Structures are given as structure tokens and as C-alpha cells.
Amino acid sequence: METLVFLFSFSALGILYTMNSIHEMQEPYVILEIGVAVLVVVFLFYFLITRGNPPKDILFFVFAEFSFTCVIDLVSALEYDGIISGFMEFYQKTGEPYLGTSYAIMMCYWDGIAHFAMYLMMISRITDRKAFRTMGLFWAGSLCANMSVFITGIVAGKYGSEVQPAFWLNFLFLLMPVLGGVLLFTRPKDRPLIGGYNVSKTYKKLLLGVNNRALTCLF
């Protein structure tokens, strides 16, 4: 499943290229509407293809959805650095112009690389029915830290007077890791490595046996 998510996420390139080529799609409110519509379509895509074998964890849909947006963030950072072009010129002007700040560029790189890798690994563990609590909490903390600083900086900084409608989509990326972190905190801790677990268990048995022999000798 992680392979499908990885490949499907790159369909974002087609959407960005189309929007960058059609002027009517570059109006601020149209960008917001298309952004919401794309998020809904991506969710429905994963919901429909997993109906026959639903994922055992609701966070699967969050990770799959956010994997799609990771590609957009990576493209944004690469385009601001001049490595690629022709995808997000419109977004730099009428979408979120503050993405060109140094912090935002590094945040987009982190999301497009580190978070993307985390999503794929956690989706793989969900598919294999394995625990991912530790990694999930790291992701939740990382994304919360990113977005809280990002949103606060936009509102309080020089771009506060240039907030565009697409800005409000950022609150989704602040809310979901908070909810995900709360959900993960309620789960039991990941089981330690089998080797270490067995060594600890054997040591406890050995120590208990020594104590029993000592008590036998005394009484």
C-alpha cells in the first residue's frame, strides 16, 4: 500500500502544472476551493480503494492524505530555490507568498522529505498491523512545532496584511497532528525489541531463581 501512496502522491504534479497554466485557476478564492476539492478527492480515492480491506487504523487516511501534500511542499521549496520551474509560480503570487521565506522553504523541505518518509513507513506498519506509536508521536510533535511557528510567524510578521484565502488550509495541518498525538498517547507503548525483551525476561527469571535458592539455604 505504501508504494501506491508514494506513486499516487506524485499526481499532485499534474494538478500544479494545470493550475499554473490556466489563469482562471489562479484567483485566490479559486485556489482555496481547488485545494479543498483536491483534499476531498484524495480522501475519497483512498476510502474507495480500501473498502474491500479497510485499514485497521483511521490514521492511515491522514498519512495518505498528507503524503499527497508533501509532494506539493517539496515542489514549492525546489521552485523557490530555482531547481525546477513551471509548477507553482501562481501560488507564489496569489496563494501563499510567505512560502518564500527562509523558514518556510526549510519547513517545506522537511515536510517533503522527512515527513513524507515517516508517512510511508507508518502506512507500511499499519498495513502489516504493527505498532508505530513512537514514530507517530515524533511526527505529531514535529508537524505541530512546524505549523505553530509557521502560522504565528505569518500572522505576526510582515505578511500579516497579505494573508490569502489559502492560508486557512494550514489549520488542518495543525489540527490533525494534535488529534493524532492525543490518539497515539492513549495507546500502549511499542513493545521493545524481541532480543532485548527476552534478555530482560531471562535475567529476571535467573535473579528470581538465585533469590529462591538463597532463601532455601537459610531456612
N, C-alpha and C. Protein backbone atom coordinates (compact mmCIF):
# COMPACT_ATOMS: atom_id res chain seq x y z
N MET A 1 0.81 -1.21 0.00
CA MET A 1 0.00 0.00 0.00
C MET A 1 0.86 1.27 0.00
N GLU A 2 1.99 1.22 0.71
CA GLU A 2 2.85 2.40 0.75
C GLU A 2 3.39 2.77 -0.64
N THR A 3 3.56 1.75 -1.51
CA THR A 3 4.02 2.01 -2.87
C THR A 3 2.96 2.77 -3.67
N LEU A 4 1.70 2.35 -3.49
CA LEU A 4 0.60 3.03 -4.16
C LEU A 4 0.49 4.48 -3.68
N VAL A 5 0.60 4.68 -2.38
CA VAL A 5 0.53 6.03 -1.82
C VAL A 5 1.66 6.89 -2.37
N PHE A 6 2.86 6.32 -2.42
CA PHE A 6 4.02 7.05 -2.95
C PHE A 6 3.79 7.49 -4.39
N LEU A 7 3.34 6.58 -5.22
CA LEU A 7 3.14 6.88 -6.64
C LEU A 7 1.98 7.85 -6.85
N PHE A 8 0.87 7.62 -6.13
CA PHE A 8 -0.29 8.48 -6.32
C PHE A 8 -0.01 9.91 -5.86
N SER A 9 0.84 10.07 -4.86
CA SER A 9 1.15 11.40 -4.34
C SER A 9 1.76 12.29 -5.42
N PHE A 10 2.46 11.70 -6.36
CA PHE A 10 3.09 12.49 -7.40
C PHE A 10 2.12 12.95 -8.48
N SER A 11 0.86 12.52 -8.36
CA SER A 11 -0.15 13.07 -9.27
C SER A 11 -0.40 14.54 -8.96
N ALA A 12 0.08 15.00 -7.79
CA ALA A 12 -0.02 16.42 -7.44
C ALA A 12 0.71 17.28 -8.47
N LEU A 13 1.73 16.74 -9.10
CA LEU A 13 2.48 17.49 -10.11
C LEU A 13 1.58 17.89 -11.28
N GLY A 14 0.71 16.99 -11.67
CA GLY A 14 -0.21 17.29 -12.77
C GLY A 14 -1.18 18.40 -12.41
N ILE A 15 -1.68 18.37 -11.18
CA ILE A 15 -2.62 19.40 -10.73
C ILE A 15 -1.92 20.76 -10.68
N LEU A 16 -0.72 20.79 -10.12
CA LEU A 16 0.02 22.05 -10.03
C LEU A 16 0.34 22.62 -11.41
N TYR A 17 0.75 21.76 -12.31
CA TYR A 17 1.10 22.21 -13.66
C TYR A 17 -0.14 22.79 -14.37
N THR A 18 -1.27 22.10 -14.19
CA THR A 18 -2.51 22.58 -14.81
C THR A 18 -2.92 23.94 -14.26
N MET A 19 -2.87 24.08 -12.94
CA MET A 19 -3.24 25.35 -12.32
C MET A 19 -2.28 26.47 -12.71
N ASN A 20 -1.03 26.12 -12.88
CA ASN A 20 -0.04 27.12 -13.26
C ASN A 20 -0.20 27.57 -14.72
N SER A 21 -0.89 26.76 -15.51
CA SER A 21 -1.06 27.05 -16.93
C SER A 21 -2.39 27.74 -17.25
N ILE A 22 -3.37 27.62 -16.36
CA ILE A 22 -4.70 28.18 -16.61
C ILE A 22 -4.92 29.37 -15.68
N HIS A 23 -5.03 30.54 -16.25
CA HIS A 23 -5.12 31.78 -15.45
C HIS A 23 -6.36 31.79 -14.57
N GLU A 24 -7.47 31.23 -15.04
CA GLU A 24 -8.72 31.25 -14.27
C GLU A 24 -8.61 30.48 -12.96
N MET A 25 -7.65 29.58 -12.87
CA MET A 25 -7.46 28.79 -11.65
C MET A 25 -6.52 29.46 -10.65
N GLN A 26 -6.08 30.66 -10.95
CA GLN A 26 -5.06 31.29 -10.13
C GLN A 26 -5.60 32.41 -9.24
N GLU A 27 -6.93 32.57 -9.22
CA GLU A 27 -7.53 33.56 -8.33
C GLU A 27 -7.49 33.04 -6.89
N PRO A 28 -7.29 33.91 -5.90
CA PRO A 28 -7.14 33.47 -4.51
C PRO A 28 -8.24 32.54 -4.01
N TYR A 29 -9.50 32.89 -4.22
CA TYR A 29 -10.58 32.04 -3.72
C TYR A 29 -10.72 30.76 -4.53
N VAL A 30 -10.38 30.83 -5.80
CA VAL A 30 -10.40 29.61 -6.63
C VAL A 30 -9.33 28.64 -6.15
N ILE A 31 -8.17 29.15 -5.77
CA ILE A 31 -7.10 28.30 -5.23
C ILE A 31 -7.58 27.58 -3.98
N LEU A 32 -8.26 28.32 -3.09
CA LEU A 32 -8.79 27.70 -1.87
C LEU A 32 -9.81 26.62 -2.20
N GLU A 33 -10.71 26.91 -3.12
CA GLU A 33 -11.74 25.94 -3.49
C GLU A 33 -11.13 24.69 -4.12
N ILE A 34 -10.15 24.88 -5.00
CA ILE A 34 -9.49 23.73 -5.62
C ILE A 34 -8.73 22.94 -4.57
N GLY A 35 -8.08 23.63 -3.63
CA GLY A 35 -7.34 22.95 -2.57
C GLY A 35 -8.24 22.06 -1.73
N VAL A 36 -9.40 22.59 -1.34
CA VAL A 36 -10.36 21.80 -0.56
C VAL A 36 -10.88 20.62 -1.39
N ALA A 37 -11.21 20.89 -2.66
CA ALA A 37 -11.73 19.83 -3.53
C ALA A 37 -10.71 18.71 -3.71
N VAL A 38 -9.45 19.06 -3.89
CA VAL A 38 -8.40 18.05 -4.08
C VAL A 38 -8.25 17.20 -2.83
N LEU A 39 -8.27 17.82 -1.66
CA LEU A 39 -8.17 17.06 -0.41
C LEU A 39 -9.33 16.08 -0.27
N VAL A 40 -10.52 16.51 -0.64
CA VAL A 40 -11.69 15.63 -0.57
C VAL A 40 -11.55 14.47 -1.56
N VAL A 41 -11.12 14.78 -2.77
CA VAL A 41 -10.97 13.74 -3.81
C VAL A 41 -9.91 12.71 -3.39
N VAL A 42 -8.80 13.18 -2.84
CA VAL A 42 -7.74 12.27 -2.40
C VAL A 42 -8.26 11.35 -1.29
N PHE A 43 -9.00 11.92 -0.35
CA PHE A 43 -9.58 11.09 0.72
C PHE A 43 -10.53 10.05 0.14
N LEU A 44 -11.41 10.47 -0.76
CA LEU A 44 -12.37 9.53 -1.35
C LEU A 44 -11.65 8.44 -2.14
N PHE A 45 -10.57 8.79 -2.80
CA PHE A 45 -9.80 7.80 -3.55
C PHE A 45 -9.31 6.69 -2.64
N TYR A 46 -8.69 7.06 -1.52
CA TYR A 46 -8.17 6.04 -0.60
C TYR A 46 -9.30 5.31 0.12
N PHE A 47 -10.38 6.02 0.39
CA PHE A 47 -11.53 5.37 1.04
C PHE A 47 -12.13 4.29 0.15
N LEU A 48 -12.25 4.60 -1.13
CA LEU A 48 -12.88 3.65 -2.06
C LEU A 48 -11.99 2.45 -2.35
N ILE A 49 -10.68 2.68 -2.50
CA ILE A 49 -9.82 1.55 -2.85
C ILE A 49 -9.56 0.63 -1.65
N THR A 50 -9.88 1.10 -0.44
CA THR A 50 -9.67 0.25 0.75
C THR A 50 -10.98 -0.30 1.30
N ARG A 51 -12.08 -0.10 0.59
CA ARG A 51 -13.38 -0.58 1.10
C ARG A 51 -13.39 -2.09 1.29
N GLY A 52 -12.76 -2.82 0.37
CA GLY A 52 -12.74 -4.27 0.48
C GLY A 52 -11.90 -4.77 1.64
N ASN A 53 -10.87 -4.03 1.98
CA ASN A 53 -9.98 -4.40 3.08
C ASN A 53 -9.62 -3.13 3.85
N PRO A 54 -10.53 -2.64 4.69
CA PRO A 54 -10.32 -1.36 5.37
C PRO A 54 -9.08 -1.38 6.25
N PRO A 55 -8.34 -0.28 6.29
CA PRO A 55 -7.17 -0.21 7.18
C PRO A 55 -7.59 -0.33 8.63
N LYS A 56 -6.73 -0.91 9.44
CA LYS A 56 -7.05 -1.15 10.85
C LYS A 56 -6.86 0.10 11.71
N ASP A 57 -6.37 1.16 11.12
CA ASP A 57 -6.11 2.39 11.86
C ASP A 57 -6.61 3.57 11.05
N ILE A 58 -7.44 4.41 11.67
CA ILE A 58 -8.02 5.57 10.99
C ILE A 58 -6.94 6.55 10.56
N LEU A 59 -5.78 6.53 11.22
CA LEU A 59 -4.70 7.44 10.87
C LEU A 59 -4.11 7.13 9.49
N PHE A 60 -4.43 5.98 8.95
CA PHE A 60 -3.98 5.66 7.60
C PHE A 60 -4.41 6.75 6.63
N PHE A 61 -5.66 7.19 6.74
CA PHE A 61 -6.18 8.20 5.81
C PHE A 61 -5.48 9.54 6.00
N VAL A 62 -5.13 9.86 7.23
CA VAL A 62 -4.39 11.10 7.48
C VAL A 62 -3.02 11.05 6.83
N PHE A 63 -2.32 9.94 7.02
CA PHE A 63 -0.98 9.80 6.47
C PHE A 63 -1.00 9.76 4.94
N ALA A 64 -1.99 9.08 4.38
CA ALA A 64 -2.09 9.01 2.92
C ALA A 64 -2.41 10.38 2.33
N GLU A 65 -3.31 11.11 2.99
CA GLU A 65 -3.68 12.45 2.53
C GLU A 65 -2.50 13.41 2.62
N PHE A 66 -1.80 13.36 3.73
CA PHE A 66 -0.68 14.28 3.93
C PHE A 66 0.51 13.92 3.06
N SER A 67 0.61 12.66 2.64
CA SER A 67 1.68 12.28 1.71
C SER A 67 1.53 13.04 0.40
N PHE A 68 0.28 13.22 -0.01
CA PHE A 68 -0.01 13.95 -1.24
C PHE A 68 0.46 15.40 -1.11
N THR A 69 0.20 16.01 0.04
CA THR A 69 0.60 17.41 0.24
C THR A 69 2.11 17.55 0.41
N CYS A 70 2.78 16.49 0.82
CA CYS A 70 4.24 16.54 0.95
C CYS A 70 4.90 16.83 -0.39
N VAL A 71 4.36 16.25 -1.44
CA VAL A 71 4.91 16.48 -2.77
C VAL A 71 4.75 17.94 -3.16
N ILE A 72 3.61 18.53 -2.81
CA ILE A 72 3.38 19.95 -3.09
C ILE A 72 4.39 20.81 -2.34
N ASP A 73 4.63 20.48 -1.08
CA ASP A 73 5.61 21.25 -0.30
C ASP A 73 7.01 21.12 -0.88
N LEU A 74 7.36 19.92 -1.30
CA LEU A 74 8.69 19.71 -1.88
C LEU A 74 8.86 20.49 -3.18
N VAL A 75 7.82 20.47 -4.00
CA VAL A 75 7.86 21.23 -5.25
C VAL A 75 7.99 22.72 -4.97
N SER A 76 7.28 23.20 -3.94
CA SER A 76 7.36 24.61 -3.58
C SER A 76 8.78 25.00 -3.20
N ALA A 77 9.41 24.21 -2.36
CA ALA A 77 10.78 24.51 -1.94
C ALA A 77 11.75 24.46 -3.11
N LEU A 78 11.63 23.44 -3.95
CA LEU A 78 12.52 23.32 -5.11
C LEU A 78 12.35 24.47 -6.08
N GLU A 79 11.11 24.93 -6.25
CA GLU A 79 10.88 26.03 -7.19
C GLU A 79 11.41 27.35 -6.63
N TYR A 80 11.26 27.56 -5.34
CA TYR A 80 11.81 28.79 -4.75
C TYR A 80 13.33 28.81 -4.83
N ASP A 81 13.95 27.64 -4.76
CA ASP A 81 15.41 27.57 -4.87
C ASP A 81 15.89 27.56 -6.32
N GLY A 82 14.96 27.61 -7.27
CA GLY A 82 15.33 27.68 -8.68
C GLY A 82 15.75 26.36 -9.29
N ILE A 83 15.49 25.25 -8.60
CA ILE A 83 15.89 23.94 -9.11
C ILE A 83 14.93 23.45 -10.18
N ILE A 84 13.64 23.75 -10.00
CA ILE A 84 12.63 23.42 -11.01
C ILE A 84 11.79 24.67 -11.26
N SER A 85 10.93 24.62 -12.26
CA SER A 85 10.06 25.76 -12.54
C SER A 85 8.83 25.28 -13.30
N GLY A 86 7.82 26.15 -13.35
CA GLY A 86 6.63 25.85 -14.13
C GLY A 86 5.53 25.16 -13.38
N PHE A 87 5.63 25.07 -12.06
CA PHE A 87 4.60 24.38 -11.27
C PHE A 87 3.87 25.30 -10.30
N MET A 88 4.59 26.18 -9.62
CA MET A 88 3.97 26.94 -8.54
C MET A 88 4.23 28.44 -8.61
N GLU A 89 4.47 28.95 -9.79
CA GLU A 89 4.66 30.39 -9.92
C GLU A 89 3.41 31.15 -9.49
N PHE A 90 2.25 30.62 -9.84
CA PHE A 90 0.99 31.27 -9.48
C PHE A 90 0.79 31.28 -7.97
N TYR A 91 1.19 30.21 -7.31
CA TYR A 91 0.98 30.08 -5.86
C TYR A 91 1.88 31.04 -5.09
N GLN A 92 3.03 31.32 -5.65
CA GLN A 92 3.95 32.27 -5.02
C GLN A 92 3.39 33.68 -5.02
N LYS A 93 2.48 33.96 -5.95
CA LYS A 93 1.92 35.30 -6.07
C LYS A 93 0.56 35.43 -5.41
N THR A 94 -0.36 34.52 -5.72
CA THR A 94 -1.74 34.65 -5.22
C THR A 94 -2.15 33.57 -4.24
N GLY A 95 -1.26 32.65 -3.94
CA GLY A 95 -1.57 31.59 -2.98
C GLY A 95 -1.03 31.92 -1.61
N GLU A 96 0.25 31.60 -1.40
CA GLU A 96 0.90 31.86 -0.12
C GLU A 96 2.30 32.44 -0.39
N PRO A 97 2.40 33.74 -0.60
CA PRO A 97 3.69 34.34 -0.94
C PRO A 97 4.75 34.20 0.15
N TYR A 98 4.33 34.02 1.39
CA TYR A 98 5.27 33.87 2.51
C TYR A 98 6.02 32.55 2.48
N LEU A 99 5.64 31.64 1.58
CA LEU A 99 6.38 30.38 1.46
C LEU A 99 7.80 30.61 0.93
N GLY A 100 8.08 31.83 0.50
CA GLY A 100 9.41 32.15 0.03
C GLY A 100 10.37 32.57 1.12
N THR A 101 9.89 32.65 2.36
CA THR A 101 10.79 32.98 3.48
C THR A 101 11.71 31.80 3.76
N SER A 102 12.83 32.08 4.38
CA SER A 102 13.82 31.02 4.63
C SER A 102 13.25 29.90 5.50
N TYR A 103 12.49 30.29 6.54
CA TYR A 103 11.91 29.26 7.41
C TYR A 103 10.92 28.40 6.65
N ALA A 104 10.06 29.04 5.85
CA ALA A 104 9.05 28.29 5.11
C ALA A 104 9.67 27.34 4.10
N ILE A 105 10.75 27.77 3.45
CA ILE A 105 11.42 26.89 2.48
C ILE A 105 11.99 25.66 3.17
N MET A 106 12.66 25.87 4.31
CA MET A 106 13.21 24.72 5.04
C MET A 106 12.10 23.85 5.60
N MET A 107 11.00 24.45 6.02
CA MET A 107 9.86 23.68 6.51
C MET A 107 9.29 22.80 5.40
N CYS A 108 9.21 23.36 4.20
CA CYS A 108 8.70 22.59 3.06
C CYS A 108 9.64 21.44 2.70
N TYR A 109 10.94 21.68 2.79
CA TYR A 109 11.89 20.59 2.56
C TYR A 109 11.72 19.49 3.60
N TRP A 110 11.59 19.89 4.86
CA TRP A 110 11.42 18.92 5.94
C TRP A 110 10.15 18.11 5.75
N ASP A 111 9.07 18.79 5.38
CA ASP A 111 7.80 18.10 5.17
C ASP A 111 7.87 17.20 3.95
N GLY A 112 8.47 17.70 2.89
CA GLY A 112 8.51 16.94 1.63
C GLY A 112 9.46 15.76 1.65
N ILE A 113 10.39 15.75 2.61
CA ILE A 113 11.35 14.64 2.68
C ILE A 113 11.15 13.81 3.95
N ALA A 114 11.34 14.44 5.11
CA ALA A 114 11.28 13.70 6.37
C ALA A 114 9.87 13.22 6.68
N HIS A 115 8.90 14.12 6.65
CA HIS A 115 7.53 13.71 6.95
C HIS A 115 7.00 12.73 5.92
N PHE A 116 7.36 12.93 4.66
CA PHE A 116 6.93 12.01 3.60
C PHE A 116 7.43 10.60 3.89
N ALA A 117 8.70 10.49 4.27
CA ALA A 117 9.27 9.18 4.61
C ALA A 117 8.56 8.58 5.83
N MET A 118 8.25 9.41 6.83
CA MET A 118 7.54 8.91 8.01
C MET A 118 6.16 8.38 7.64
N TYR A 119 5.43 9.12 6.80
CA TYR A 119 4.10 8.68 6.39
C TYR A 119 4.16 7.31 5.72
N LEU A 120 5.11 7.15 4.82
CA LEU A 120 5.21 5.87 4.11
C LEU A 120 5.57 4.73 5.06
N MET A 121 6.47 4.99 6.01
CA MET A 121 6.84 3.95 6.98
C MET A 121 5.67 3.61 7.89
N MET A 122 4.92 4.62 8.32
CA MET A 122 3.78 4.35 9.20
C MET A 122 2.65 3.66 8.45
N ILE A 123 2.45 4.00 7.18
CA ILE A 123 1.45 3.30 6.37
C ILE A 123 1.85 1.84 6.21
N SER A 124 3.15 1.60 6.01
CA SER A 124 3.64 0.23 5.89
C SER A 124 3.37 -0.56 7.17
N ARG A 125 3.58 0.06 8.32
CA ARG A 125 3.35 -0.62 9.59
C ARG A 125 1.86 -0.84 9.84
N ILE A 126 1.04 0.10 9.43
CA ILE A 126 -0.41 -0.11 9.55
C ILE A 126 -0.85 -1.28 8.69
N THR A 127 -0.33 -1.33 7.47
CA THR A 127 -0.67 -2.43 6.56
C THR A 127 -0.24 -3.78 7.13
N ASP A 128 0.93 -3.80 7.77
CA ASP A 128 1.44 -5.04 8.36
C ASP A 128 0.93 -5.27 9.78
N ARG A 129 0.04 -4.39 10.24
CA ARG A 129 -0.54 -4.48 11.58
C ARG A 129 0.52 -4.44 12.68
N LYS A 130 1.45 -3.53 12.52
CA LYS A 130 2.49 -3.34 13.51
C LYS A 130 2.31 -1.99 14.19
N ALA A 131 2.86 -1.87 15.39
CA ALA A 131 2.75 -0.62 16.15
C ALA A 131 3.65 0.45 15.56
N PHE A 132 3.22 1.69 15.70
CA PHE A 132 4.04 2.81 15.21
C PHE A 132 3.89 4.00 16.15
N ARG A 133 3.58 3.75 17.42
CA ARG A 133 3.30 4.81 18.37
C ARG A 133 4.46 5.79 18.51
N THR A 134 5.68 5.27 18.65
CA THR A 134 6.84 6.14 18.86
C THR A 134 7.07 7.05 17.66
N MET A 135 7.05 6.48 16.46
CA MET A 135 7.24 7.27 15.26
C MET A 135 6.08 8.25 15.07
N GLY A 136 4.89 7.79 15.39
CA GLY A 136 3.71 8.65 15.25
C GLY A 136 3.77 9.86 16.16
N LEU A 137 4.23 9.67 17.38
CA LEU A 137 4.35 10.80 18.31
C LEU A 137 5.44 11.77 17.85
N PHE A 138 6.52 11.21 17.30
CA PHE A 138 7.56 12.08 16.76
C PHE A 138 7.01 12.93 15.62
N TRP A 139 6.24 12.30 14.73
CA TRP A 139 5.63 13.04 13.62
C TRP A 139 4.68 14.12 14.14
N ALA A 140 3.84 13.77 15.11
CA ALA A 140 2.87 14.73 15.63
C ALA A 140 3.58 15.94 16.24
N GLY A 141 4.62 15.68 17.02
CA GLY A 141 5.37 16.78 17.62
C GLY A 141 6.07 17.62 16.58
N SER A 142 6.63 16.97 15.59
CA SER A 142 7.36 17.68 14.54
C SER A 142 6.44 18.59 13.74
N LEU A 143 5.30 18.05 13.30
CA LEU A 143 4.39 18.85 12.48
C LEU A 143 3.73 19.96 13.30
N CYS A 144 3.40 19.68 14.56
CA CYS A 144 2.82 20.72 15.43
C CYS A 144 3.81 21.87 15.61
N ALA A 145 5.06 21.53 15.85
CA ALA A 145 6.08 22.57 16.03
C ALA A 145 6.23 23.40 14.75
N ASN A 146 6.27 22.71 13.61
CA ASN A 146 6.39 23.41 12.33
C ASN A 146 5.25 24.40 12.11
N MET A 147 4.02 23.88 12.25
CA MET A 147 2.86 24.68 11.89
C MET A 147 2.58 25.78 12.90
N SER A 148 2.83 25.54 14.18
CA SER A 148 2.57 26.57 15.19
C SER A 148 3.48 27.77 14.96
N VAL A 149 4.77 27.51 14.69
CA VAL A 149 5.70 28.60 14.41
C VAL A 149 5.35 29.28 13.08
N PHE A 150 5.00 28.48 12.08
CA PHE A 150 4.68 28.98 10.75
C PHE A 150 3.47 29.91 10.78
N ILE A 151 2.38 29.45 11.38
CA ILE A 151 1.15 30.24 11.42
C ILE A 151 1.33 31.50 12.25
N THR A 152 1.99 31.36 13.39
CA THR A 152 2.23 32.54 14.24
C THR A 152 3.10 33.57 13.51
N GLY A 153 4.13 33.08 12.81
CA GLY A 153 5.01 33.96 12.08
C GLY A 153 4.30 34.71 10.97
N ILE A 154 3.36 34.04 10.30
CA ILE A 154 2.61 34.69 9.23
C ILE A 154 1.74 35.81 9.78
N VAL A 155 1.00 35.49 10.83
CA VAL A 155 0.06 36.47 11.40
C VAL A 155 0.78 37.66 12.01
N ALA A 156 1.87 37.38 12.73
CA ALA A 156 2.56 38.44 13.46
C ALA A 156 3.63 39.14 12.62
N GLY A 157 4.04 38.53 11.51
CA GLY A 157 5.13 39.08 10.71
C GLY A 157 4.67 40.05 9.65
N LYS A 158 5.57 40.37 8.73
CA LYS A 158 5.29 41.38 7.71
C LYS A 158 4.25 40.92 6.69
N TYR A 159 4.00 39.60 6.64
CA TYR A 159 2.99 39.10 5.70
C TYR A 159 1.60 39.05 6.31
N GLY A 160 1.46 39.54 7.54
CA GLY A 160 0.15 39.50 8.20
C GLY A 160 -0.92 40.25 7.45
N SER A 161 -0.54 41.27 6.70
CA SER A 161 -1.51 42.05 5.94
C SER A 161 -1.74 41.50 4.54
N GLU A 162 -1.03 40.40 4.20
CA GLU A 162 -1.14 39.83 2.87
C GLU A 162 -1.67 38.39 2.90
N VAL A 163 -2.38 38.08 3.97
CA VAL A 163 -2.92 36.72 4.11
C VAL A 163 -3.97 36.46 3.03
N GLN A 164 -3.79 35.36 2.31
CA GLN A 164 -4.71 34.99 1.25
C GLN A 164 -5.62 33.86 1.74
N PRO A 165 -6.74 33.60 1.05
CA PRO A 165 -7.67 32.55 1.49
C PRO A 165 -7.02 31.19 1.70
N ALA A 166 -6.01 30.84 0.89
CA ALA A 166 -5.35 29.53 1.02
C ALA A 166 -4.67 29.36 2.38
N PHE A 167 -4.43 30.46 3.06
CA PHE A 167 -3.80 30.42 4.39
C PHE A 167 -4.58 29.53 5.35
N TRP A 168 -5.91 29.54 5.24
CA TRP A 168 -6.74 28.82 6.21
C TRP A 168 -6.58 27.31 6.10
N LEU A 169 -6.06 26.82 5.00
CA LEU A 169 -5.81 25.38 4.88
C LEU A 169 -4.73 24.93 5.86
N ASN A 170 -3.88 25.86 6.30
CA ASN A 170 -2.80 25.48 7.21
C ASN A 170 -3.31 24.98 8.56
N PHE A 171 -4.50 25.41 8.94
CA PHE A 171 -5.03 24.99 10.24
C PHE A 171 -5.37 23.50 10.27
N LEU A 172 -5.66 22.94 9.09
CA LEU A 172 -5.87 21.49 9.02
C LEU A 172 -4.60 20.74 9.40
N PHE A 173 -3.45 21.28 8.98
CA PHE A 173 -2.17 20.64 9.25
C PHE A 173 -1.68 20.91 10.67
N LEU A 174 -2.35 21.78 11.37
CA LEU A 174 -2.08 21.98 12.80
C LEU A 174 -3.03 21.14 13.64
N LEU A 175 -4.26 21.03 13.20
CA LEU A 175 -5.27 20.28 13.96
C LEU A 175 -5.04 18.78 13.93
N MET A 176 -4.74 18.23 12.75
CA MET A 176 -4.65 16.78 12.61
C MET A 176 -3.51 16.16 13.44
N PRO A 177 -2.30 16.74 13.47
CA PRO A 177 -1.28 16.14 14.34
C PRO A 177 -1.62 16.24 15.82
N VAL A 178 -2.37 17.28 16.21
CA VAL A 178 -2.80 17.37 17.61
C VAL A 178 -3.74 16.22 17.94
N LEU A 179 -4.74 16.01 17.08
CA LEU A 179 -5.68 14.92 17.29
C LEU A 179 -4.97 13.56 17.20
N GLY A 180 -4.05 13.46 16.23
CA GLY A 180 -3.30 12.21 16.09
C GLY A 180 -2.44 11.94 17.30
N GLY A 181 -1.79 12.97 17.85
CA GLY A 181 -0.97 12.81 19.04
C GLY A 181 -1.78 12.36 20.23
N VAL A 182 -2.96 12.96 20.42
CA VAL A 182 -3.84 12.56 21.52
C VAL A 182 -4.26 11.09 21.37
N LEU A 183 -4.59 10.70 20.14
CA LEU A 183 -4.99 9.32 19.88
C LEU A 183 -3.85 8.35 20.16
N LEU A 184 -2.64 8.70 19.76
CA LEU A 184 -1.49 7.83 19.95
C LEU A 184 -1.08 7.74 21.42
N PHE A 185 -1.27 8.83 22.17
CA PHE A 185 -0.93 8.82 23.59
C PHE A 185 -1.79 7.82 24.37
N THR A 186 -2.98 7.55 23.90
CA THR A 186 -3.87 6.63 24.61
C THR A 186 -3.54 5.16 24.33
N ARG A 187 -2.63 4.92 23.43
CA ARG A 187 -2.27 3.55 23.08
C ARG A 187 -1.10 3.06 23.93
N PRO A 188 -0.98 1.76 24.11
CA PRO A 188 0.16 1.23 24.88
C PRO A 188 1.47 1.49 24.16
N LYS A 189 2.54 1.55 24.92
CA LYS A 189 3.86 1.79 24.34
C LYS A 189 4.25 0.65 23.42
N ASP A 190 5.06 0.99 22.41
CA ASP A 190 5.55 -0.05 21.50
C ASP A 190 6.34 -1.08 22.27
N ARG A 191 6.17 -2.36 21.90
CA ARG A 191 6.91 -3.43 22.56
C ARG A 191 8.39 -3.29 22.24
N PRO A 192 9.26 -3.48 23.25
CA PRO A 192 10.70 -3.38 22.98
C PRO A 192 11.17 -4.45 22.01
N LEU A 193 12.39 -4.28 21.49
CA LEU A 193 12.96 -5.26 20.57
C LEU A 193 12.94 -6.65 21.20
N ILE A 194 12.63 -7.66 20.39
CA ILE A 194 12.46 -9.02 20.90
C ILE A 194 13.70 -9.50 21.63
N GLY A 195 14.88 -9.22 21.06
CA GLY A 195 16.11 -9.68 21.69
C GLY A 195 16.28 -9.08 23.07
N GLY A 196 16.12 -7.78 23.17
CA GLY A 196 16.25 -7.12 24.46
C GLY A 196 15.18 -7.56 25.43
N TYR A 197 13.97 -7.79 24.91
CA TYR A 197 12.86 -8.23 25.75
C TYR A 197 13.15 -9.60 26.34
N ASN A 198 13.68 -10.52 25.53
CA ASN A 198 13.98 -11.86 26.01
C ASN A 198 15.13 -11.86 27.02
N VAL A 199 16.14 -11.03 26.77
CA VAL A 199 17.26 -10.95 27.70
C VAL A 199 16.79 -10.46 29.06
N SER A 200 15.94 -9.41 29.05
CA SER A 200 15.41 -8.87 30.30
C SER A 200 14.57 -9.91 31.03
N LYS A 201 13.75 -10.65 30.28
CA LYS A 201 12.90 -11.66 30.88
C LYS A 201 13.73 -12.79 31.48
N THR A 202 14.78 -13.22 30.77
CA THR A 202 15.65 -14.29 31.25
C THR A 202 16.40 -13.86 32.50
N TYR A 203 16.86 -12.60 32.51
CA TYR A 203 17.60 -12.07 33.66
C TYR A 203 16.71 -12.05 34.90
N LYS A 204 15.45 -11.64 34.73
CA LYS A 204 14.53 -11.61 35.86
C LYS A 204 14.29 -13.02 36.41
N LYS A 205 14.16 -14.00 35.52
CA LYS A 205 13.96 -15.37 35.97
C LYS A 205 15.18 -15.89 36.71
N LEU A 206 16.36 -15.58 36.20
CA LEU A 206 17.60 -16.02 36.83
C LEU A 206 17.74 -15.40 38.21
N LEU A 207 17.44 -14.10 38.32
CA LEU A 207 17.54 -13.41 39.60
C LEU A 207 16.54 -13.98 40.59
N LEU A 208 15.34 -14.30 40.12
CA LEU A 208 14.34 -14.89 40.99
C LEU A 208 14.78 -16.26 41.48
N GLY A 209 15.42 -17.04 40.60
CA GLY A 209 15.91 -18.36 40.99
C GLY A 209 17.00 -18.28 42.03
N VAL A 210 17.92 -17.34 41.88
CA VAL A 210 19.00 -17.15 42.85
C VAL A 210 18.43 -16.76 44.21
N ASN A 211 17.44 -15.89 44.23
CA ASN A 211 16.82 -15.47 45.48
C ASN A 211 16.12 -16.65 46.17
N ASN A 212 15.46 -17.48 45.37
CA ASN A 212 14.77 -18.64 45.94
C ASN A 212 15.77 -19.62 46.56
N ARG A 213 16.93 -19.82 45.89
CA ARG A 213 17.93 -20.74 46.43
C ARG A 213 18.51 -20.19 47.73
N ALA A 214 18.71 -18.88 47.77
CA ALA A 214 19.25 -18.27 48.97
C ALA A 214 18.31 -18.45 50.15
N LEU A 215 17.01 -18.26 49.88
CA LEU A 215 16.00 -18.43 50.95
C LEU A 215 15.95 -19.90 51.40
N THR A 216 16.11 -20.83 50.47
CA THR A 216 16.10 -22.26 50.80
C THR A 216 17.27 -22.60 51.72
N CYS A 217 18.44 -22.05 51.43
CA CYS A 217 19.61 -22.32 52.26
C CYS A 217 19.45 -21.77 53.68
N LEU A 218 18.78 -20.62 53.80
CA LEU A 218 18.60 -20.00 55.09
C LEU A 218 17.59 -20.75 55.95
N PHE A 219 16.57 -21.29 55.33
CA PHE A 219 15.50 -21.94 56.10
C PHE A 219 15.48 -23.44 55.86
